[in-house]
Amino acid sequence: MEHLTFDYPAQRAVTTRAHVGVVGSGDLEVLLTPADSASTLTAHVVVRTSVDGYSHIWKSVLDRFFTRYDGAAQIEINDFGATPGVVALRLAEAVEAAEEGDAA
């Protein structure tokens, strides 16, 4: 089991929580919550993965995601062997769910 952390600059506060996906064979869950401090606009990502040795892949996928997403949030990813495509999909779903919650 590997535990990775990443930080990215953000431009706006996130106000709503989101939970998508499940931890299961070949899948993952994403938990998105507002950042701890409104004064620090940072996205903090914690990845817990059952697959060791792929931190460079995680960094690449997250770097690409954060070129489009600018929310200050705490993001927890609990992975059980998901592919990079599934990771990108779940992250996008979490953002969409949080933004729908803001609009409600």
PDB file of N, CA and C in Angstrom:
ATOM      1  N   MET A   1       0.859  -1.183   0.000  1.00  0.00           N
ATOM      2  CA  MET A   1       0.000   0.000   0.000  1.00  0.00           C
ATOM      3  C   MET A   1       0.889   1.224   0.000  1.00  0.00           C
ATOM      4  N   GLU A   2       0.650   2.130  -0.942  1.00  0.00           N
ATOM      5  CA  GLU A   2       1.438   3.354  -1.046  1.00  0.00           C
ATOM      6  C   GLU A   2       0.559   4.552  -0.692  1.00  0.00           C
ATOM      7  N   HIS A   3       1.160   5.537  -0.037  1.00  0.00           N
ATOM      8  CA  HIS A   3       0.467   6.756   0.391  1.00  0.00           C
ATOM      9  C   HIS A   3       1.223   7.934  -0.226  1.00  0.00           C
ATOM     10  N   LEU A   4       0.553   8.693  -1.110  1.00  0.00           N
ATOM     11  CA  LEU A   4       1.182   9.804  -1.820  1.00  0.00           C
ATOM     12  C   LEU A   4       0.443  11.095  -1.497  1.00  0.00           C
ATOM     13  N   THR A   5       1.164  12.217  -1.492  1.00  0.00           N
ATOM     14  CA  THR A   5       0.522  13.520  -1.309  1.00  0.00           C
ATOM     15  C   THR A   5       1.021  14.493  -2.373  1.00  0.00           C
ATOM     16  N   PHE A   6       0.119  15.353  -2.808  1.00  0.00           N
ATOM     17  CA  PHE A   6       0.422  16.357  -3.820  1.00  0.00           C
ATOM     18  C   PHE A   6      -0.297  17.643  -3.445  1.00  0.00           C
ATOM     19  N   ASP A   7       0.304  18.788  -3.773  1.00  0.00           N
ATOM     20  CA  ASP A   7      -0.319  20.090  -3.556  1.00  0.00           C
ATOM     21  C   ASP A   7      -0.288  20.887  -4.848  1.00  0.00           C
ATOM     22  N   TYR A   8      -1.398  21.594  -5.106  1.00  0.00           N
ATOM     23  CA  TYR A   8      -1.524  22.408  -6.306  1.00  0.00           C
ATOM     24  C   TYR A   8      -2.106  23.766  -5.940  1.00  0.00           C
ATOM     25  N   PRO A   9      -1.651  24.832  -6.604  1.00  0.00           N
ATOM     26  CA  PRO A   9      -2.238  26.154  -6.342  1.00  0.00           C
ATOM     27  C   PRO A   9      -3.685  26.191  -6.836  1.00  0.00           C
ATOM     28  N   ALA A  10      -4.488  26.980  -6.147  1.00  0.00           N
ATOM     29  CA  ALA A  10      -5.899  27.114  -6.521  1.00  0.00           C
ATOM     30  C   ALA A  10      -6.268  28.587  -6.632  1.00  0.00           C
ATOM     31  N   GLN A  11      -7.376  28.853  -7.287  1.00  0.00           N
ATOM     32  CA  GLN A  11      -7.821  30.231  -7.504  1.00  0.00           C
ATOM     33  C   GLN A  11      -9.119  30.577  -6.778  1.00  0.00           C
ATOM     34  N   ARG A  12      -9.862  29.537  -6.362  1.00  0.00           N
ATOM     35  CA  ARG A  12     -11.171  29.809  -5.755  1.00  0.00           C
ATOM     36  C   ARG A  12     -11.482  28.770  -4.686  1.00  0.00           C
ATOM     37  N   ALA A  13     -12.313  29.175  -3.752  1.00  0.00           N
ATOM     38  CA  ALA A  13     -12.700  28.269  -2.674  1.00  0.00           C
ATOM     39  C   ALA A  13     -13.774  27.293  -3.154  1.00  0.00           C
ATOM     40  N   VAL A  14     -13.694  26.084  -2.673  1.00  0.00           N
ATOM     41  CA  VAL A  14     -14.725  25.074  -2.908  1.00  0.00           C
ATOM     42  C   VAL A  14     -15.607  25.059  -1.667  1.00  0.00           C
ATOM     43  N   THR A  15     -16.925  25.018  -1.835  1.00  0.00           N
ATOM     44  CA  THR A  15     -17.822  25.105  -0.683  1.00  0.00           C
ATOM     45  C   THR A  15     -18.638  23.848  -0.424  1.00  0.00           C
ATOM     46  N   THR A  16     -18.612  22.890  -1.347  1.00  0.00           N
ATOM     47  CA  THR A  16     -19.460  21.702  -1.239  1.00  0.00           C
ATOM     48  C   THR A  16     -18.631  20.423  -1.288  1.00  0.00           C
ATOM     49  N   ARG A  17     -19.073  19.434  -0.553  1.00  0.00           N
ATOM     50  CA  ARG A  17     -18.430  18.119  -0.576  1.00  0.00           C
ATOM     51  C   ARG A  17     -18.955  17.279  -1.730  1.00  0.00           C
ATOM     52  N   ALA A  18     -18.140  16.289  -2.126  1.00  0.00           N
ATOM     53  CA  ALA A  18     -18.584  15.320  -3.133  1.00  0.00           C
ATOM     54  C   ALA A  18     -17.907  13.987  -2.859  1.00  0.00           C
ATOM     55  N   HIS A  19     -18.612  12.904  -3.178  1.00  0.00           N
ATOM     56  CA  HIS A  19     -18.077  11.545  -3.049  1.00  0.00           C
ATOM     57  C   HIS A  19     -18.529  10.765  -4.272  1.00  0.00           C
ATOM     58  N   VAL A  20     -17.564  10.244  -5.019  1.00  0.00           N
ATOM     59  CA  VAL A  20     -17.890   9.444  -6.198  1.00  0.00           C
ATOM     60  C   VAL A  20     -17.034   8.183  -6.220  1.00  0.00           C
ATOM     61  N   GLY A  21     -17.559   7.159  -6.877  1.00  0.00           N
ATOM     62  CA  GLY A  21     -16.821   5.912  -7.044  1.00  0.00           C
ATOM     63  C   GLY A  21     -16.857   5.036  -5.808  1.00  0.00           C
ATOM     64  N   VAL A  22     -16.279   3.866  -5.949  1.00  0.00           N
ATOM     65  CA  VAL A  22     -16.164   2.899  -4.860  1.00  0.00           C
ATOM     66  C   VAL A  22     -14.776   2.278  -4.911  1.00  0.00           C
ATOM     67  N   VAL A  23     -14.313   1.845  -3.753  1.00  0.00           N
ATOM     68  CA  VAL A  23     -13.046   1.131  -3.727  1.00  0.00           C
ATOM     69  C   VAL A  23     -13.371  -0.328  -4.010  1.00  0.00           C
ATOM     70  N   GLY A  24     -12.918  -0.801  -5.134  1.00  0.00           N
ATOM     71  CA  GLY A  24     -13.161  -2.176  -5.527  1.00  0.00           C
ATOM     72  C   GLY A  24     -12.182  -2.543  -6.621  1.00  0.00           C
ATOM     73  N   SER A  25     -12.220  -3.735  -7.054  1.00  0.00           N
ATOM     74  CA  SER A  25     -11.287  -4.224  -8.051  1.00  0.00           C
ATOM     75  C   SER A  25     -11.269  -3.327  -9.283  1.00  0.00           C
ATOM     76  N   GLY A  26     -10.133  -2.709  -9.537  1.00  0.00           N
ATOM     77  CA  GLY A  26      -9.963  -1.876 -10.723  1.00  0.00           C
ATOM     78  C   GLY A  26     -10.663  -0.539 -10.655  1.00  0.00           C
ATOM     79  N   ASP A  27     -11.052  -0.081  -9.483  1.00  0.00           N
ATOM     80  CA  ASP A  27     -11.774   1.180  -9.368  1.00  0.00           C
ATOM     81  C   ASP A  27     -11.206   1.991  -8.203  1.00  0.00           C
ATOM     82  N   LEU A  28     -11.802   3.141  -7.961  1.00  0.00           N
ATOM     83  CA  LEU A  28     -11.358   3.983  -6.860  1.00  0.00           C
ATOM     84  C   LEU A  28     -12.478   4.908  -6.444  1.00  0.00           C
ATOM     85  N   GLU A  29     -12.331   5.508  -5.261  1.00  0.00           N
ATOM     86  CA  GLU A  29     -13.265   6.527  -4.828  1.00  0.00           C
ATOM     87  C   GLU A  29     -12.531   7.836  -4.657  1.00  0.00           C
ATOM     88  N   VAL A  30     -13.259   8.923  -4.888  1.00  0.00           N
ATOM     89  CA  VAL A  30     -12.729  10.262  -4.706  1.00  0.00           C
ATOM     90  C   VAL A  30     -13.626  10.979  -3.712  1.00  0.00           C
ATOM     91  N   LEU A  31     -13.015  11.526  -2.666  1.00  0.00           N
ATOM     92  CA  LEU A  31     -13.704  12.339  -1.675  1.00  0.00           C
ATOM     93  C   LEU A  31     -13.174  13.748  -1.818  1.00  0.00           C
ATOM     94  N   LEU A  32     -14.045  14.690  -2.135  1.00  0.00           N
ATOM     95  CA  LEU A  32     -13.657  16.078  -2.323  1.00  0.00           C
ATOM     96  C   LEU A  32     -14.349  16.903  -1.241  1.00  0.00           C
ATOM     97  N   THR A  33     -13.576  17.641  -0.467  1.00  0.00           N
ATOM     98  CA  THR A  33     -14.128  18.502   0.577  1.00  0.00           C
ATOM     99  C   THR A  33     -13.491  19.882   0.487  1.00  0.00           C
ATOM    100  N   PRO A  34     -14.184  20.904   0.996  1.00  0.00           N
ATOM    101  CA  PRO A  34     -13.586  22.239   0.989  1.00  0.00           C
ATOM    102  C   PRO A  34     -12.239  22.232   1.722  1.00  0.00           C
ATOM    103  N   ALA A  35     -11.323  23.086   1.284  1.00  0.00           N
ATOM    104  CA  ALA A  35     -10.007  23.197   1.924  1.00  0.00           C
ATOM    105  C   ALA A  35     -10.174  23.602   3.380  1.00  0.00           C
ATOM    106  N   ASP A  36      -9.235  23.196   4.216  1.00  0.00           N
ATOM    107  CA  ASP A  36      -9.293  23.496   5.650  1.00  0.00           C
ATOM    108  C   ASP A  36      -9.305  24.986   5.942  1.00  0.00           C
ATOM    109  N   SER A  37      -8.551  25.746   5.206  1.00  0.00           N
ATOM    110  CA  SER A  37      -8.404  27.169   5.475  1.00  0.00           C
ATOM    111  C   SER A  37      -8.768  27.987   4.248  1.00  0.00           C
ATOM    112  N   ALA A  38      -9.714  28.911   4.429  1.00  0.00           N
ATOM    113  CA  ALA A  38     -10.112  29.760   3.307  1.00  0.00           C
ATOM    114  C   ALA A  38      -8.998  30.726   2.913  1.00  0.00           C
ATOM    115  N   SER A  39      -8.044  30.952   3.822  1.00  0.00           N
ATOM    116  CA  SER A  39      -6.974  31.898   3.518  1.00  0.00           C
ATOM    117  C   SER A  39      -5.894  31.287   2.629  1.00  0.00           C
ATOM    118  N   THR A  40      -5.835  29.970   2.570  1.00  0.00           N
ATOM    119  CA  THR A  40      -4.852  29.287   1.741  1.00  0.00           C
ATOM    120  C   THR A  40      -5.556  28.658   0.549  1.00  0.00           C
ATOM    121  N   LEU A  41      -5.312  29.189  -0.609  1.00  0.00           N
ATOM    122  CA  LEU A  41      -5.939  28.630  -1.805  1.00  0.00           C
ATOM    123  C   LEU A  41      -5.023  27.561  -2.398  1.00  0.00           C
ATOM    124  N   THR A  42      -5.195  26.372  -1.871  1.00  0.00           N
ATOM    125  CA  THR A  42      -4.398  25.223  -2.289  1.00  0.00           C
ATOM    126  C   THR A  42      -5.296  24.000  -2.388  1.00  0.00           C
ATOM    127  N   ALA A  43      -5.029  23.184  -3.378  1.00  0.00           N
ATOM    128  CA  ALA A  43      -5.668  21.870  -3.467  1.00  0.00           C
ATOM    129  C   ALA A  43      -4.656  20.863  -2.918  1.00  0.00           C
ATOM    130  N   HIS A  44      -5.074  20.123  -1.907  1.00  0.00           N
ATOM    131  CA  HIS A  44      -4.213  19.117  -1.289  1.00  0.00           C
ATOM    132  C   HIS A  44      -4.799  17.748  -1.620  1.00  0.00           C
ATOM    133  N   VAL A  45      -3.986  16.885  -2.239  1.00  0.00           N
ATOM    134  CA  VAL A  45      -4.445  15.575  -2.685  1.00  0.00           C
ATOM    135  C   VAL A  45      -3.687  14.489  -1.930  1.00  0.00           C
ATOM    136  N   VAL A  46      -4.432  13.546  -1.374  1.00  0.00           N
ATOM    137  CA  VAL A  46      -3.854  12.371  -0.724  1.00  0.00           C
ATOM    138  C   VAL A  46      -4.325  11.148  -1.499  1.00  0.00           C
ATOM    139  N   VAL A  47      -3.375  10.348  -1.939  1.00  0.00           N
ATOM    140  CA  VAL A  47      -3.685   9.127  -2.687  1.00  0.00           C
ATOM    141  C   VAL A  47      -3.259   7.932  -1.841  1.00  0.00           C
ATOM    142  N   ARG A  48      -4.193   7.017  -1.627  1.00  0.00           N
ATOM    143  CA  ARG A  48      -3.887   5.731  -0.999  1.00  0.00           C
ATOM    144  C   ARG A  48      -4.146   4.680  -2.064  1.00  0.00           C
ATOM    145  N   THR A  49      -3.081   3.992  -2.469  1.00  0.00           N
ATOM    146  CA  THR A  49      -3.223   3.043  -3.575  1.00  0.00           C
ATOM    147  C   THR A  49      -2.659   1.680  -3.203  1.00  0.00           C
ATOM    148  N   SER A  50      -3.299   0.664  -3.722  1.00  0.00           N
ATOM    149  CA  SER A  50      -2.842  -0.711  -3.484  1.00  0.00           C
ATOM    150  C   SER A  50      -1.688  -1.086  -4.400  1.00  0.00           C
ATOM    151  N   VAL A  51      -1.369  -0.216  -5.363  1.00  0.00           N
ATOM    152  CA  VAL A  51      -0.326  -0.504  -6.347  1.00  0.00           C
ATOM    153  C   VAL A  51       0.886   0.390  -6.072  1.00  0.00           C
ATOM    154  N   ASP A  52       1.994  -0.209  -5.693  1.00  0.00           N
ATOM    155  CA  ASP A  52       3.211   0.539  -5.379  1.00  0.00           C
ATOM    156  C   ASP A  52       4.013   0.856  -6.648  1.00  0.00           C
ATOM    157  N   GLY A  53       4.777   1.958  -6.581  1.00  0.00           N
ATOM    158  CA  GLY A  53       5.741   2.261  -7.625  1.00  0.00           C
ATOM    159  C   GLY A  53       5.226   3.085  -8.793  1.00  0.00           C
ATOM    160  N   TYR A  54       4.046   3.667  -8.677  1.00  0.00           N
ATOM    161  CA  TYR A  54       3.498   4.431  -9.801  1.00  0.00           C
ATOM    162  C   TYR A  54       3.290   5.906  -9.462  1.00  0.00           C
ATOM    163  N   SER A  55       4.094   6.444  -8.565  1.00  0.00           N
ATOM    164  CA  SER A  55       3.906   7.848  -8.169  1.00  0.00           C
ATOM    165  C   SER A  55       4.078   8.790  -9.362  1.00  0.00           C
ATOM    166  N   HIS A  56       4.963   8.454 -10.302  1.00  0.00           N
ATOM    167  CA  HIS A  56       5.150   9.305 -11.478  1.00  0.00           C
ATOM    168  C   HIS A  56       3.897   9.336 -12.355  1.00  0.00           C
ATOM    169  N   ILE A  57       3.168   8.248 -12.422  1.00  0.00           N
ATOM    170  CA  ILE A  57       1.919   8.207 -13.181  1.00  0.00           C
ATOM    171  C   ILE A  57       0.856   9.037 -12.473  1.00  0.00           C
ATOM    172  N   TRP A  58       0.760   8.872 -11.152  1.00  0.00           N
ATOM    173  CA  TRP A  58      -0.192   9.681 -10.385  1.00  0.00           C
ATOM    174  C   TRP A  58       0.090  11.160 -10.576  1.00  0.00           C
ATOM    175  N   LYS A  59       1.355  11.544 -10.488  1.00  0.00           N
ATOM    176  CA  LYS A  59       1.726  12.947 -10.646  1.00  0.00           C
ATOM    177  C   LYS A  59       1.322  13.454 -12.033  1.00  0.00           C
ATOM    178  N   SER A  60       1.557  12.675 -13.050  1.00  0.00           N
ATOM    179  CA  SER A  60       1.209  13.065 -14.410  1.00  0.00           C
ATOM    180  C   SER A  60      -0.302  13.276 -14.566  1.00  0.00           C
ATOM    181  N   VAL A  61      -1.095  12.337 -14.064  1.00  0.00           N
ATOM    182  CA  VAL A  61      -2.557  12.438 -14.161  1.00  0.00           C
ATOM    183  C   VAL A  61      -3.058  13.654 -13.387  1.00  0.00           C
ATOM    184  N   LEU A  62      -2.542  13.853 -12.175  1.00  0.00           N
ATOM    185  CA  LEU A  62      -2.977  14.986 -11.358  1.00  0.00           C
ATOM    186  C   LEU A  62      -2.503  16.314 -11.928  1.00  0.00           C
ATOM    187  N   ASP A  63      -1.277  16.359 -12.449  1.00  0.00           N
ATOM    188  CA  ASP A  63      -0.789  17.584 -13.089  1.00  0.00           C
ATOM    189  C   ASP A  63      -1.731  17.995 -14.225  1.00  0.00           C
ATOM    190  N   ARG A  64      -2.113  17.035 -15.034  1.00  0.00           N
ATOM    191  CA  ARG A  64      -3.017  17.330 -16.156  1.00  0.00           C
ATOM    192  C   ARG A  64      -4.382  17.810 -15.646  1.00  0.00           C
ATOM    193  N   PHE A  65      -4.912  17.137 -14.632  1.00  0.00           N
ATOM    194  CA  PHE A  65      -6.208  17.524 -14.064  1.00  0.00           C
ATOM    195  C   PHE A  65      -6.175  18.957 -13.538  1.00  0.00           C
ATOM    196  N   PHE A  66      -5.108  19.316 -12.836  1.00  0.00           N
ATOM    197  CA  PHE A  66      -5.039  20.636 -12.222  1.00  0.00           C
ATOM    198  C   PHE A  66      -4.656  21.744 -13.204  1.00  0.00           C
ATOM    199  N   THR A  67      -4.422  21.418 -14.452  1.00  0.00           N
ATOM    200  CA  THR A  67      -4.313  22.474 -15.458  1.00  0.00           C
ATOM    201  C   THR A  67      -5.702  23.014 -15.805  1.00  0.00           C
ATOM    202  N   ARG A  68      -6.747  22.226 -15.506  1.00  0.00           N
ATOM    203  CA  ARG A  68      -8.128  22.622 -15.808  1.00  0.00           C
ATOM    204  C   ARG A  68      -8.934  22.966 -14.560  1.00  0.00           C
ATOM    205  N   TYR A  69      -8.563  22.430 -13.426  1.00  0.00           N
ATOM    206  CA  TYR A  69      -9.347  22.618 -12.203  1.00  0.00           C
ATOM    207  C   TYR A  69      -8.605  23.545 -11.254  1.00  0.00           C
ATOM    208  N   ASP A  70      -9.295  24.567 -10.743  1.00  0.00           N
ATOM    209  CA  ASP A  70      -8.628  25.560  -9.903  1.00  0.00           C
ATOM    210  C   ASP A  70      -9.244  25.699  -8.514  1.00  0.00           C
ATOM    211  N   GLY A  71      -9.958  24.680  -8.046  1.00  0.00           N
ATOM    212  CA  GLY A  71     -10.617  24.747  -6.748  1.00  0.00           C
ATOM    213  C   GLY A  71      -9.704  24.390  -5.592  1.00  0.00           C
ATOM    214  N   ALA A  72      -9.848  25.155  -4.486  1.00  0.00           N
ATOM    215  CA  ALA A  72      -9.110  24.873  -3.248  1.00  0.00           C
ATOM    216  C   ALA A  72      -9.887  23.804  -2.484  1.00  0.00           C
ATOM    217  N   ALA A  73      -9.357  22.611  -2.445  1.00  0.00           N
ATOM    218  CA  ALA A  73     -10.070  21.488  -1.846  1.00  0.00           C
ATOM    219  C   ALA A  73      -9.098  20.493  -1.230  1.00  0.00           C
ATOM    220  N   GLN A  74      -9.636  19.675  -0.355  1.00  0.00           N
ATOM    221  CA  GLN A  74      -8.942  18.488   0.130  1.00  0.00           C
ATOM    222  C   GLN A  74      -9.503  17.342  -0.704  1.00  0.00           C
ATOM    223  N   ILE A  75      -8.645  16.607  -1.374  1.00  0.00           N
ATOM    224  CA  ILE A  75      -9.097  15.495  -2.200  1.00  0.00           C
ATOM    225  C   ILE A  75      -8.420  14.223  -1.712  1.00  0.00           C
ATOM    226  N   GLU A  76      -9.242  13.240  -1.357  1.00  0.00           N
ATOM    227  CA  GLU A  76      -8.730  11.931  -0.962  1.00  0.00           C
ATOM    228  C   GLU A  76      -9.095  10.941  -2.054  1.00  0.00           C
ATOM    229  N   ILE A  77      -8.098  10.195  -2.493  1.00  0.00           N
ATOM    230  CA  ILE A  77      -8.321   9.169  -3.508  1.00  0.00           C
ATOM    231  C   ILE A  77      -7.926   7.830  -2.896  1.00  0.00           C
ATOM    232  N   ASN A  78      -8.887   6.918  -2.853  1.00  0.00           N
ATOM    233  CA  ASN A  78      -8.637   5.574  -2.361  1.00  0.00           C
ATOM    234  C   ASN A  78      -8.735   4.634  -3.551  1.00  0.00           C
ATOM    235  N   ASP A  79      -7.582   4.086  -3.944  1.00  0.00           N
ATOM    236  CA  ASP A  79      -7.453   3.369  -5.203  1.00  0.00           C
ATOM    237  C   ASP A  79      -7.260   1.872  -4.990  1.00  0.00           C
ATOM    238  N   PHE A  80      -7.852   1.109  -5.892  1.00  0.00           N
ATOM    239  CA  PHE A  80      -7.642  -0.333  -5.915  1.00  0.00           C
ATOM    240  C   PHE A  80      -7.318  -0.777  -7.331  1.00  0.00           C
ATOM    241  N   GLY A  81      -6.285  -0.132  -7.921  1.00  0.00           N
ATOM    242  CA  GLY A  81      -5.789  -0.557  -9.220  1.00  0.00           C
ATOM    243  C   GLY A  81      -6.473   0.083 -10.413  1.00  0.00           C
ATOM    244  N   ALA A  82      -7.028   1.282 -10.246  1.00  0.00           N
ATOM    245  CA  ALA A  82      -7.692   1.960 -11.363  1.00  0.00           C
ATOM    246  C   ALA A  82      -6.673   2.416 -12.405  1.00  0.00           C
ATOM    247  N   THR A  83      -7.100   2.463 -13.641  1.00  0.00           N
ATOM    248  CA  THR A  83      -6.261   2.967 -14.724  1.00  0.00           C
ATOM    249  C   THR A  83      -6.262   4.498 -14.692  1.00  0.00           C
ATOM    250  N   PRO A  84      -5.290   5.152 -15.338  1.00  0.00           N
ATOM    251  CA  PRO A  84      -5.284   6.617 -15.382  1.00  0.00           C
ATOM    252  C   PRO A  84      -6.578   7.205 -15.952  1.00  0.00           C
ATOM    253  N   GLY A  85      -7.180   6.539 -16.913  1.00  0.00           N
ATOM    254  CA  GLY A  85      -8.444   7.019 -17.472  1.00  0.00           C
ATOM    255  C   GLY A  85      -9.560   7.032 -16.444  1.00  0.00           C
ATOM    256  N   VAL A  86      -9.624   6.006 -15.630  1.00  0.00           N
ATOM    257  CA  VAL A  86     -10.635   5.945 -14.571  1.00  0.00           C
ATOM    258  C   VAL A  86     -10.367   7.025 -13.527  1.00  0.00           C
ATOM    259  N   VAL A  87      -9.106   7.252 -13.202  1.00  0.00           N
ATOM    260  CA  VAL A  87      -8.755   8.312 -12.255  1.00  0.00           C
ATOM    261  C   VAL A  87      -9.258   9.658 -12.769  1.00  0.00           C
ATOM    262  N   ALA A  88      -8.971   9.978 -14.021  1.00  0.00           N
ATOM    263  CA  ALA A  88      -9.407  11.248 -14.613  1.00  0.00           C
ATOM    264  C   ALA A  88     -10.933  11.354 -14.614  1.00  0.00           C
ATOM    265  N   LEU A  89     -11.615  10.277 -14.937  1.00  0.00           N
ATOM    266  CA  LEU A  89     -13.075  10.254 -14.953  1.00  0.00           C
ATOM    267  C   LEU A  89     -13.642  10.524 -13.564  1.00  0.00           C
ATOM    268  N   ARG A  90     -13.136   9.834 -12.559  1.00  0.00           N
ATOM    269  CA  ARG A  90     -13.638  10.016 -11.186  1.00  0.00           C
ATOM    270  C   ARG A  90     -13.366  11.427 -10.665  1.00  0.00           C
ATOM    271  N   LEU A  91     -12.209  11.986 -10.976  1.00  0.00           N
ATOM    272  CA  LEU A  91     -11.919  13.361 -10.555  1.00  0.00           C
ATOM    273  C   LEU A  91     -12.913  14.327 -11.201  1.00  0.00           C
ATOM    274  N   ALA A  92     -13.171  14.162 -12.481  1.00  0.00           N
ATOM    275  CA  ALA A  92     -14.128  15.019 -13.178  1.00  0.00           C
ATOM    276  C   ALA A  92     -15.528  14.857 -12.587  1.00  0.00           C
ATOM    277  N   GLU A  93     -15.907  13.636 -12.264  1.00  0.00           N
ATOM    278  CA  GLU A  93     -17.216  13.387 -11.648  1.00  0.00           C
ATOM    279  C   GLU A  93     -17.328  14.067 -10.288  1.00  0.00           C
ATOM    280  N   ALA A  94     -16.262  14.029  -9.496  1.00  0.00           N
ATOM    281  CA  ALA A  94     -16.277  14.671  -8.180  1.00  0.00           C
ATOM    282  C   ALA A  94     -16.456  16.171  -8.304  1.00  0.00           C
ATOM    283  N   VAL A  95     -15.747  16.787  -9.237  1.00  0.00           N
ATOM    284  CA  VAL A  95     -15.880  18.230  -9.458  1.00  0.00           C
ATOM    285  C   VAL A  95     -17.296  18.557  -9.911  1.00  0.00           C
ATOM    286  N   GLU A  96     -17.826  17.779 -10.842  1.00  0.00           N
ATOM    287  CA  GLU A  96     -19.191  18.011 -11.323  1.00  0.00           C
ATOM    288  C   GLU A  96     -20.201  17.884 -10.187  1.00  0.00           C
ATOM    289  N   ALA A  97     -20.058  16.862  -9.358  1.00  0.00           N
ATOM    290  CA  ALA A  97     -20.973  16.674  -8.233  1.00  0.00           C
ATOM    291  C   ALA A  97     -20.896  17.844  -7.242  1.00  0.00           C
ATOM    292  N   ALA A  98     -19.679  18.321  -6.959  1.00  0.00           N
ATOM    293  CA  ALA A  98     -19.522  19.451  -6.047  1.00  0.00           C
ATOM    294  C   ALA A  98     -20.132  20.712  -6.633  1.00  0.00           C
ATOM    295  N   GLU A  99     -19.928  20.939  -7.928  1.00  0.00           N
ATOM    296  CA  GLU A  99     -20.480  22.134  -8.564  1.00  0.00           C
ATOM    297  C   GLU A  99     -22.004  22.069  -8.665  1.00  0.00           C
ATOM    298  N   GLU A 100     -22.569  20.884  -8.851  1.00  0.00           N
ATOM    299  CA  GLU A 100     -24.026  20.731  -8.840  1.00  0.00           C
ATOM    300  C   GLU A 100     -24.571  21.013  -7.446  1.00  0.00           C
ATOM    301  N   GLY A 101     -23.827  20.605  -6.418  1.00  0.00           N
ATOM    302  CA  GLY A 101     -24.231  20.889  -5.037  1.00  0.00           C
ATOM    303  C   GLY A 101     -24.226  22.367  -4.732  1.00  0.00           C
ATOM    304  N   ASP A 102     -23.271  23.102  -5.309  1.00  0.00           N
ATOM    305  CA  ASP A 102     -23.216  24.567  -5.128  1.00  0.00           C
ATOM    306  C   ASP A 102     -24.415  25.239  -5.787  1.00  0.00           C
ATOM    307  N   ALA A 103     -24.860  24.684  -6.912  1.00  0.00           N
ATOM    308  CA  ALA A 103     -25.956  25.309  -7.659  1.00  0.00           C
ATOM    309  C   ALA A 103     -27.316  25.025  -7.017  1.00  0.00           C
ATOM    310  N   ALA A 104     -27.384  23.973  -6.214  1.00  0.00           N
ATOM    311  CA  ALA A 104     -28.672  23.581  -5.614  1.00  0.00           C
ATOM    312  C   ALA A 104     -29.106  24.480  -4.491  1.00  0.00           C
TER     313      ALA A 104
END
